[in-house]
C-alpha atoms as a PDB file:
ATOM      1  CA  MET A   1       0.000   0.000   0.000  1.00  0.00           C
ATOM      2  CA  TRP A   2       1.336   3.424  -0.951  1.00  0.00           C
ATOM      3  CA  THR A   3       1.555   6.053   1.769  1.00  0.00           C
ATOM      4  CA  GLU A   4       2.195   9.746   1.432  1.00  0.00           C
ATOM      5  CA  LYS A   5       5.152  10.773   3.573  1.00  0.00           C
ATOM      6  CA  ASN A   6       7.408  13.853   3.348  1.00  0.00           C
ATOM      7  CA  ASN A   7       5.860  14.948   0.034  1.00  0.00           C
ATOM      8  CA  GLN A   8       6.468  11.518  -1.522  1.00  0.00           C
ATOM      9  CA  LEU A   9       4.444   8.417  -2.261  1.00  0.00           C
ATOM     10  CA  VAL A  10       6.320   5.588  -0.548  1.00  0.00           C
ATOM     11  CA  ARG A  11       5.970   1.823  -0.704  1.00  0.00           C
ATOM     12  CA  SER A  12       8.146  -1.134   0.263  1.00  0.00           C
ATOM     13  CA  PHE A  13       8.069  -4.440  -1.561  1.00  0.00           C
ATOM     14  CA  GLU A  14       9.463  -7.803  -0.479  1.00  0.00           C
ATOM     15  CA  PHE A  15      10.163 -10.715  -2.823  1.00  0.00           C
ATOM     16  CA  ASN A  16      11.355 -14.296  -2.478  1.00  0.00           C
ATOM     17  CA  ASP A  17      14.917 -13.477  -3.506  1.00  0.00           C
ATOM     18  CA  PHE A  18      17.207 -10.982  -5.213  1.00  0.00           C
ATOM     19  CA  VAL A  19      16.383 -12.174  -8.736  1.00  0.00           C
ATOM     20  CA  ALA A  20      12.644 -11.624  -8.171  1.00  0.00           C
ATOM     21  CA  ALA A  21      13.295  -8.159  -6.709  1.00  0.00           C
ATOM     22  CA  PHE A  22      15.598  -7.183  -9.565  1.00  0.00           C
ATOM     23  CA  SER A  23      13.165  -8.522 -12.165  1.00  0.00           C
ATOM     24  CA  PHE A  24      10.443  -6.352 -10.624  1.00  0.00           C
ATOM     25  CA  MET A  25      12.764  -3.326 -10.756  1.00  0.00           C
ATOM     26  CA  THR A  26      13.431  -4.004 -14.428  1.00  0.00           C
ATOM     27  CA  ARG A  27       9.695  -4.060 -15.192  1.00  0.00           C
ATOM     28  CA  VAL A  28       9.262  -0.831 -13.213  1.00  0.00           C
ATOM     29  CA  ALA A  29      12.132   0.764 -15.143  1.00  0.00           C
ATOM     30  CA  PHE A  30      10.446   0.064 -18.485  1.00  0.00           C
ATOM     31  CA  ALA A  31       7.090   1.407 -17.241  1.00  0.00           C
ATOM     32  CA  ALA A  32       8.732   4.516 -15.776  1.00  0.00           C
ATOM     33  CA  GLU A  33      10.673   5.219 -18.955  1.00  0.00           C
ATOM     34  CA  LYS A  34       7.524   4.858 -21.040  1.00  0.00           C
ATOM     35  CA  MET A  35       5.764   7.381 -18.772  1.00  0.00           C
ATOM     36  CA  GLY A  36       8.775   9.711 -18.670  1.00  0.00           C
ATOM     37  CA  HIS A  37       8.643   9.716 -14.880  1.00  0.00           C
ATOM     38  CA  HIS A  38      11.311   7.990 -12.813  1.00  0.00           C
ATOM     39  CA  PRO A  39      11.336   6.741  -9.215  1.00  0.00           C
ATOM     40  CA  GLU A  40      13.778   7.186  -6.405  1.00  0.00           C
ATOM     41  CA  TRP A  41      14.407   3.675  -5.185  1.00  0.00           C
ATOM     42  CA  SER A  42      16.674   1.334  -3.322  1.00  0.00           C
ATOM     43  CA  ASN A  43      17.226  -2.400  -3.321  1.00  0.00           C
ATOM     44  CA  VAL A  44      18.775  -4.628  -0.683  1.00  0.00           C
ATOM     45  CA  TYR A  45      18.643  -8.332  -1.519  1.00  0.00           C
ATOM     46  CA  ASN A  46      14.898  -9.145  -1.731  1.00  0.00           C
ATOM     47  CA  LYS A  47      13.560  -5.735  -0.672  1.00  0.00           C
ATOM     48  CA  VAL A  48      12.758  -2.752  -2.875  1.00  0.00           C
ATOM     49  CA  GLU A  49      11.696   0.650  -1.575  1.00  0.00           C
ATOM     50  CA  ILE A  50      10.225   3.156  -4.004  1.00  0.00           C
ATOM     51  CA  LYS A  51       9.629   6.866  -3.444  1.00  0.00           C
ATOM     52  CA  LEU A  52       7.732   8.965  -5.965  1.00  0.00           C
ATOM     53  CA  SER A  53       7.547  12.743  -6.248  1.00  0.00           C
ATOM     54  CA  THR A  54       7.542  15.207  -9.104  1.00  0.00           C
ATOM     55  CA  HIS A  55      10.742  17.230  -9.081  1.00  0.00           C
ATOM     56  CA  ASP A  56       9.613  19.846 -11.583  1.00  0.00           C
ATOM     57  CA  ALA A  57       6.533  20.516  -9.415  1.00  0.00           C
ATOM     58  CA  GLY A  58       8.630  21.391  -6.376  1.00  0.00           C
ATOM     59  CA  ASN A  59       9.160  17.831  -5.133  1.00  0.00           C
ATOM     60  CA  THR A  60       5.512  17.219  -4.356  1.00  0.00           C
ATOM     61  CA  VAL A  61       3.125  14.367  -5.109  1.00  0.00           C
ATOM     62  CA  THR A  62       1.223  14.917  -8.356  1.00  0.00           C
ATOM     63  CA  ASP A  63      -0.975  12.903 -10.699  1.00  0.00           C
ATOM     64  CA  LYS A  64       2.210  11.734 -12.460  1.00  0.00           C
ATOM     65  CA  ASP A  65       3.233   9.987  -9.235  1.00  0.00           C
ATOM     66  CA  ARG A  66      -0.192   8.473  -8.657  1.00  0.00           C
ATOM     67  CA  LYS A  67      -0.287   7.163 -12.237  1.00  0.00           C
ATOM     68  CA  LEU A  68       3.168   5.621 -11.920  1.00  0.00           C
ATOM     69  CA  ALA A  69       2.212   4.082  -8.559  1.00  0.00           C
ATOM     70  CA  ASP A  70      -0.851   2.506 -10.205  1.00  0.00           C
ATOM     71  CA  ALA A  71       1.289   1.196 -13.062  1.00  0.00           C
ATOM     72  CA  ILE A  72       3.771  -0.276 -10.568  1.00  0.00           C
ATOM     73  CA  ASP A  73       0.965  -2.003  -8.655  1.00  0.00           C
ATOM     74  CA  LYS A  74      -0.168  -3.672 -11.866  1.00  0.00           C
ATOM     75  CA  LEU A  75       3.311  -5.199 -12.280  1.00  0.00           C
ATOM     76  CA  LEU A  76       2.985  -7.283  -9.118  1.00  0.00           C
END
């Protein structure tokens, strides 16, 4: 579930292993590139944390972030 925190949409994901986490990140990368909107994220082994905000809107949450979050959810 996405939460709004510090002017960002934030969500953590946990997978069975590193390969599953990295595969998910790859799918997210293609979706983000297609939308022209890119996440701030981190990965440690089987965990991925994603933070979304719109930099050109003053680092706030916008519809671009909500649309990317929805697209990411559909990749699960």
